[in-house]
């Protein structure tokens, strides 16, 4: 899967997710640090990359309706420590079929996963 990591995620995730056979770029790689969310999502959309983030703003379905982008996965770990966050994201990616989440807005919490899918027809 093609993924773009938002600036708020640990840099080590790029390597970890690449090892899992994902094509990964980061906001930092593309000089998008401190850019508005709309710029980051436009870049992800243009590159057909699912956005992986901790930024709750990307969970706003009015601004980012399912089907209007390649997909957004918003992680909500209990702790924002770098190592724990990286493990939380990696664990979800390892056990999930990310292709089945294309176009969706996904909120991943420790005790549940909420998936908002594009409307059909």
N, C-alpha and C. Protein backbone atom coordinates (compact mmCIF):
# COMPACT_ATOMS: atom_id res chain seq x y z
N UNK A 1 0.85 -1.18 0.00
CA UNK A 1 0.00 0.00 0.00
C UNK A 1 0.89 1.24 0.00
N UNK A 2 0.44 2.29 -0.66
CA UNK A 2 1.15 3.56 -0.66
C UNK A 2 0.68 4.39 0.53
N UNK A 3 1.61 4.76 1.39
CA UNK A 3 1.29 5.48 2.61
C UNK A 3 2.07 6.78 2.70
N UNK A 4 1.45 7.78 3.32
CA UNK A 4 2.15 9.02 3.67
C UNK A 4 2.01 9.18 5.18
N UNK A 5 3.14 9.31 5.86
CA UNK A 5 3.15 9.51 7.31
C UNK A 5 3.14 11.00 7.61
N UNK A 6 2.21 11.41 8.42
CA UNK A 6 2.13 12.80 8.84
C UNK A 6 3.32 13.13 9.74
N UNK A 7 3.57 14.41 9.92
CA UNK A 7 4.74 14.85 10.67
C UNK A 7 4.70 14.49 12.15
N UNK A 8 3.53 14.16 12.68
CA UNK A 8 3.40 13.89 14.11
C UNK A 8 3.71 12.44 14.49
N UNK A 9 4.10 11.63 13.52
CA UNK A 9 4.42 10.23 13.79
C UNK A 9 5.93 10.03 13.89
N UNK A 10 6.36 9.05 14.68
CA UNK A 10 7.79 8.78 14.81
C UNK A 10 8.43 8.42 13.45
N UNK A 11 9.60 8.98 13.20
CA UNK A 11 10.30 8.73 11.93
C UNK A 11 10.62 7.27 11.71
N UNK A 12 10.84 6.52 12.80
CA UNK A 12 11.19 5.10 12.68
C UNK A 12 10.09 4.29 11.99
N UNK A 13 8.87 4.82 11.98
CA UNK A 13 7.76 4.11 11.34
C UNK A 13 7.98 3.94 9.84
N UNK A 14 8.65 4.87 9.20
CA UNK A 14 8.88 4.75 7.76
C UNK A 14 9.61 3.45 7.47
N UNK A 15 10.66 3.19 8.18
CA UNK A 15 11.43 1.96 7.97
C UNK A 15 10.61 0.73 8.35
N UNK A 16 9.93 0.79 9.47
CA UNK A 16 9.14 -0.35 9.95
C UNK A 16 8.06 -0.73 8.93
N UNK A 17 7.37 0.25 8.40
CA UNK A 17 6.29 -0.02 7.45
C UNK A 17 6.84 -0.42 6.08
N UNK A 18 8.00 0.10 5.74
CA UNK A 18 8.64 -0.31 4.49
C UNK A 18 9.03 -1.78 4.54
N UNK A 19 9.49 -2.23 5.69
CA UNK A 19 9.84 -3.65 5.88
C UNK A 19 8.61 -4.53 5.68
N UNK A 20 7.44 -3.98 5.97
CA UNK A 20 6.19 -4.72 5.79
C UNK A 20 5.67 -4.60 4.35
N UNK A 21 6.52 -4.16 3.45
CA UNK A 21 6.22 -4.05 2.01
C UNK A 21 5.25 -2.93 1.64
N UNK A 22 5.25 -1.87 2.40
CA UNK A 22 4.47 -0.70 2.03
C UNK A 22 5.41 0.34 1.43
N UNK A 23 4.91 1.11 0.48
CA UNK A 23 5.66 2.22 -0.11
C UNK A 23 5.34 3.45 0.73
N UNK A 24 6.34 3.94 1.47
CA UNK A 24 6.09 4.95 2.48
C UNK A 24 6.89 6.23 2.20
N UNK A 25 6.19 7.35 2.25
CA UNK A 25 6.85 8.66 2.25
C UNK A 25 6.38 9.38 3.51
N UNK A 26 7.08 10.45 3.84
CA UNK A 26 6.70 11.22 5.01
C UNK A 26 6.50 12.68 4.63
N UNK A 27 5.76 13.38 5.46
CA UNK A 27 5.60 14.82 5.27
C UNK A 27 6.96 15.49 5.29
N UNK A 28 7.85 15.00 6.13
CA UNK A 28 9.19 15.57 6.21
C UNK A 28 9.96 15.36 4.91
N UNK A 29 9.87 14.16 4.33
CA UNK A 29 10.55 13.87 3.06
C UNK A 29 10.18 14.89 1.99
N UNK A 30 8.94 15.33 2.04
CA UNK A 30 8.41 16.21 0.99
C UNK A 30 8.35 17.67 1.41
N UNK A 31 9.07 17.99 2.48
CA UNK A 31 9.15 19.38 2.96
C UNK A 31 7.77 19.96 3.25
N UNK A 32 6.91 19.14 3.87
CA UNK A 32 5.57 19.58 4.22
C UNK A 32 5.40 19.85 5.72
N UNK A 33 6.51 19.90 6.45
CA UNK A 33 6.42 20.15 7.88
C UNK A 33 5.78 21.52 8.12
N UNK A 34 4.88 21.58 9.06
CA UNK A 34 4.18 22.79 9.47
C UNK A 34 3.24 23.35 8.40
N UNK A 35 3.01 22.61 7.34
CA UNK A 35 2.05 23.05 6.33
C UNK A 35 0.63 22.75 6.82
N UNK A 36 -0.35 23.50 6.34
CA UNK A 36 -1.74 23.23 6.74
C UNK A 36 -2.18 21.83 6.33
N UNK A 37 -3.15 21.30 7.07
CA UNK A 37 -3.66 19.95 6.79
C UNK A 37 -4.11 19.81 5.34
N UNK A 38 -4.72 20.85 4.80
CA UNK A 38 -5.22 20.79 3.42
C UNK A 38 -4.08 20.55 2.43
N UNK A 39 -2.92 21.11 2.69
CA UNK A 39 -1.76 20.91 1.80
C UNK A 39 -1.27 19.47 1.90
N UNK A 40 -1.22 18.94 3.11
CA UNK A 40 -0.77 17.56 3.32
C UNK A 40 -1.74 16.58 2.65
N UNK A 41 -3.04 16.79 2.83
CA UNK A 41 -4.01 15.89 2.20
C UNK A 41 -4.00 16.02 0.69
N UNK A 42 -3.78 17.21 0.17
CA UNK A 42 -3.69 17.37 -1.28
C UNK A 42 -2.51 16.61 -1.83
N UNK A 43 -1.38 16.66 -1.13
CA UNK A 43 -0.19 15.91 -1.57
C UNK A 43 -0.46 14.41 -1.53
N UNK A 44 -1.08 13.94 -0.46
CA UNK A 44 -1.39 12.51 -0.35
C UNK A 44 -2.34 12.09 -1.46
N UNK A 45 -3.33 12.90 -1.72
CA UNK A 45 -4.31 12.59 -2.76
C UNK A 45 -3.65 12.56 -4.14
N UNK A 46 -2.81 13.54 -4.43
CA UNK A 46 -2.13 13.60 -5.73
C UNK A 46 -1.23 12.39 -5.94
N UNK A 47 -0.66 11.88 -4.86
CA UNK A 47 0.25 10.73 -4.94
C UNK A 47 -0.47 9.40 -4.73
N UNK A 48 -1.78 9.46 -4.51
CA UNK A 48 -2.60 8.27 -4.24
C UNK A 48 -2.05 7.49 -3.04
N UNK A 49 -1.81 8.23 -1.97
CA UNK A 49 -1.29 7.64 -0.74
C UNK A 49 -2.29 7.80 0.39
N UNK A 50 -2.45 6.74 1.15
CA UNK A 50 -3.28 6.77 2.35
C UNK A 50 -2.50 7.57 3.40
N UNK A 51 -3.17 8.48 4.06
CA UNK A 51 -2.52 9.31 5.08
C UNK A 51 -2.63 8.62 6.43
N UNK A 52 -1.50 8.53 7.12
CA UNK A 52 -1.42 7.94 8.46
C UNK A 52 -1.05 9.07 9.41
N UNK A 53 -1.86 9.30 10.45
CA UNK A 53 -1.68 10.49 11.28
C UNK A 53 -2.13 10.29 12.72
N UNK A 54 -1.74 11.23 13.56
CA UNK A 54 -2.24 11.34 14.93
C UNK A 54 -3.13 12.59 15.07
N UNK A 55 -3.24 13.37 14.03
CA UNK A 55 -3.94 14.65 14.04
C UNK A 55 -5.45 14.45 13.97
N UNK A 56 -6.14 14.74 15.07
CA UNK A 56 -7.59 14.51 15.14
C UNK A 56 -8.37 15.33 14.11
N UNK A 57 -7.80 16.39 13.59
CA UNK A 57 -8.47 17.18 12.58
C UNK A 57 -8.80 16.37 11.34
N UNK A 58 -8.01 15.34 11.06
CA UNK A 58 -8.26 14.51 9.88
C UNK A 58 -9.44 13.55 10.09
N UNK A 59 -9.96 13.49 11.29
CA UNK A 59 -11.13 12.67 11.55
C UNK A 59 -12.44 13.38 11.29
N UNK A 60 -12.36 14.66 10.87
CA UNK A 60 -13.56 15.45 10.58
C UNK A 60 -14.14 15.01 9.24
N UNK A 61 -15.25 14.29 9.31
CA UNK A 61 -15.86 13.72 8.10
C UNK A 61 -16.45 14.78 7.18
N UNK A 62 -16.72 15.96 7.70
CA UNK A 62 -17.22 17.04 6.84
C UNK A 62 -16.10 17.59 5.96
N UNK A 63 -14.90 17.68 6.51
CA UNK A 63 -13.76 18.18 5.74
C UNK A 63 -13.11 17.10 4.89
N UNK A 64 -13.15 15.86 5.38
CA UNK A 64 -12.50 14.74 4.68
C UNK A 64 -13.48 13.58 4.55
N UNK A 65 -14.53 13.75 3.75
CA UNK A 65 -15.52 12.67 3.64
C UNK A 65 -14.93 11.42 2.99
N UNK A 66 -15.32 10.26 3.47
CA UNK A 66 -14.85 9.01 2.87
C UNK A 66 -15.13 9.02 1.36
N UNK A 67 -14.14 8.56 0.61
CA UNK A 67 -14.26 8.50 -0.84
C UNK A 67 -13.68 9.72 -1.54
N UNK A 68 -13.36 10.77 -0.79
CA UNK A 68 -12.80 11.98 -1.40
C UNK A 68 -11.27 11.99 -1.36
N UNK A 69 -10.68 10.91 -0.89
CA UNK A 69 -9.23 10.79 -0.73
C UNK A 69 -8.87 9.30 -0.76
N UNK A 70 -7.58 8.98 -0.84
CA UNK A 70 -7.17 7.57 -0.86
C UNK A 70 -7.37 6.83 0.47
N UNK A 71 -7.63 7.56 1.52
CA UNK A 71 -7.84 6.96 2.83
C UNK A 71 -7.08 7.73 3.90
N UNK A 72 -7.65 7.75 5.08
CA UNK A 72 -7.02 8.39 6.24
C UNK A 72 -7.12 7.41 7.40
N UNK A 73 -5.98 7.16 8.04
CA UNK A 73 -5.99 6.34 9.25
C UNK A 73 -5.49 7.22 10.39
N UNK A 74 -6.39 7.49 11.31
CA UNK A 74 -6.11 8.33 12.47
C UNK A 74 -5.89 7.43 13.68
N UNK A 75 -4.71 7.49 14.25
CA UNK A 75 -4.37 6.68 15.41
C UNK A 75 -4.55 7.50 16.68
N UNK A 76 -5.18 6.86 17.68
CA UNK A 76 -5.44 7.48 18.97
C UNK A 76 -4.87 6.59 20.08
N UNK A 77 -3.54 6.49 20.19
CA UNK A 77 -2.96 5.65 21.24
C UNK A 77 -3.17 6.25 22.62
N UNK A 78 -3.08 5.39 23.64
CA UNK A 78 -3.21 5.88 25.02
C UNK A 78 -2.05 6.80 25.37
N UNK A 79 -0.87 6.45 24.92
CA UNK A 79 0.35 7.21 25.22
C UNK A 79 0.92 7.74 23.91
N UNK A 80 1.46 8.95 23.96
CA UNK A 80 2.07 9.51 22.76
C UNK A 80 3.59 9.38 22.77
N UNK A 81 4.12 8.51 23.63
CA UNK A 81 5.55 8.25 23.60
C UNK A 81 5.94 7.68 22.24
N UNK A 82 7.11 8.03 21.74
CA UNK A 82 7.52 7.63 20.40
C UNK A 82 7.50 6.12 20.19
N UNK A 83 8.09 5.38 21.10
CA UNK A 83 8.17 3.93 20.94
C UNK A 83 6.79 3.28 21.01
N UNK A 84 5.99 3.69 21.99
CA UNK A 84 4.64 3.11 22.12
C UNK A 84 3.76 3.45 20.93
N UNK A 85 3.87 4.66 20.45
CA UNK A 85 3.09 5.06 19.28
C UNK A 85 3.50 4.24 18.07
N UNK A 86 4.80 4.10 17.86
CA UNK A 86 5.29 3.31 16.73
C UNK A 86 4.79 1.87 16.81
N UNK A 87 4.83 1.28 17.98
CA UNK A 87 4.35 -0.09 18.16
C UNK A 87 2.85 -0.20 17.91
N UNK A 88 2.10 0.78 18.37
CA UNK A 88 0.65 0.81 18.19
C UNK A 88 0.29 0.83 16.70
N UNK A 89 0.96 1.70 15.95
CA UNK A 89 0.72 1.80 14.51
C UNK A 89 1.16 0.53 13.81
N UNK A 90 2.35 0.07 14.13
CA UNK A 90 2.88 -1.14 13.48
C UNK A 90 1.97 -2.35 13.72
N UNK A 91 1.49 -2.51 14.93
CA UNK A 91 0.62 -3.64 15.25
C UNK A 91 -0.66 -3.61 14.41
N UNK A 92 -1.25 -2.44 14.28
CA UNK A 92 -2.46 -2.33 13.47
C UNK A 92 -2.17 -2.65 12.01
N UNK A 93 -1.09 -2.11 11.48
CA UNK A 93 -0.76 -2.33 10.08
C UNK A 93 -0.47 -3.80 9.82
N UNK A 94 0.24 -4.45 10.73
CA UNK A 94 0.55 -5.88 10.56
C UNK A 94 -0.71 -6.74 10.47
N UNK A 95 -1.72 -6.42 11.25
CA UNK A 95 -2.90 -7.30 11.31
C UNK A 95 -4.05 -6.84 10.40
N UNK A 96 -3.84 -5.77 9.65
CA UNK A 96 -4.93 -5.22 8.84
C UNK A 96 -4.66 -5.34 7.35
N UNK A 97 -5.72 -5.46 6.60
CA UNK A 97 -5.65 -5.40 5.15
C UNK A 97 -5.91 -3.94 4.76
N UNK A 98 -4.85 -3.17 4.62
CA UNK A 98 -5.00 -1.75 4.36
C UNK A 98 -5.72 -1.47 3.05
N UNK A 99 -5.55 -2.35 2.07
CA UNK A 99 -6.23 -2.15 0.78
C UNK A 99 -7.74 -2.12 0.96
N UNK A 100 -8.25 -2.87 1.93
CA UNK A 100 -9.71 -2.88 2.16
C UNK A 100 -10.19 -1.58 2.80
N UNK A 101 -9.26 -0.74 3.24
CA UNK A 101 -9.60 0.53 3.88
C UNK A 101 -9.41 1.72 2.95
N UNK A 102 -9.12 1.46 1.68
CA UNK A 102 -8.92 2.54 0.71
C UNK A 102 -10.16 3.42 0.64
N UNK A 103 -9.95 4.72 0.69
CA UNK A 103 -11.05 5.68 0.62
C UNK A 103 -11.78 5.89 1.92
N UNK A 104 -11.45 5.13 2.94
CA UNK A 104 -12.14 5.21 4.24
C UNK A 104 -11.46 6.22 5.16
N UNK A 105 -12.20 6.61 6.19
CA UNK A 105 -11.63 7.32 7.33
C UNK A 105 -11.68 6.32 8.47
N UNK A 106 -10.51 5.99 9.00
CA UNK A 106 -10.39 4.96 10.03
C UNK A 106 -9.83 5.60 11.29
N UNK A 107 -10.48 5.36 12.41
CA UNK A 107 -9.98 5.84 13.70
C UNK A 107 -9.62 4.60 14.51
N UNK A 108 -8.34 4.50 14.86
CA UNK A 108 -7.82 3.34 15.57
C UNK A 108 -7.53 3.73 17.01
N UNK A 109 -8.26 3.12 17.93
CA UNK A 109 -8.08 3.33 19.36
C UNK A 109 -7.63 2.01 19.97
N UNK A 110 -7.10 2.03 21.18
CA UNK A 110 -6.63 0.77 21.79
C UNK A 110 -7.72 -0.30 21.89
N UNK A 111 -8.96 0.11 22.12
CA UNK A 111 -10.02 -0.89 22.35
C UNK A 111 -11.00 -1.04 21.19
N UNK A 112 -10.85 -0.23 20.14
CA UNK A 112 -11.77 -0.36 19.01
C UNK A 112 -11.21 0.33 17.77
N UNK A 113 -11.79 -0.07 16.64
CA UNK A 113 -11.46 0.54 15.35
C UNK A 113 -12.77 0.95 14.70
N UNK A 114 -12.88 2.22 14.35
CA UNK A 114 -14.07 2.73 13.66
C UNK A 114 -13.72 2.99 12.21
N UNK A 115 -14.53 2.48 11.31
CA UNK A 115 -14.28 2.63 9.87
C UNK A 115 -15.49 3.31 9.25
N UNK A 116 -15.25 4.43 8.61
CA UNK A 116 -16.29 5.11 7.84
C UNK A 116 -15.95 4.90 6.37
N UNK A 117 -16.82 4.17 5.68
CA UNK A 117 -16.58 3.82 4.29
C UNK A 117 -17.28 4.81 3.36
N UNK A 118 -16.76 4.93 2.12
CA UNK A 118 -17.44 5.77 1.14
C UNK A 118 -18.85 5.24 0.88
N UNK A 119 -19.75 6.14 0.62
CA UNK A 119 -21.11 5.73 0.27
C UNK A 119 -21.09 5.13 -1.12
N UNK A 120 -21.82 4.08 -1.30
CA UNK A 120 -21.89 3.46 -2.62
C UNK A 120 -23.10 4.00 -3.36
N UNK A 121 -22.89 4.23 -4.67
CA UNK A 121 -23.97 4.66 -5.54
C UNK A 121 -24.43 6.00 -5.21
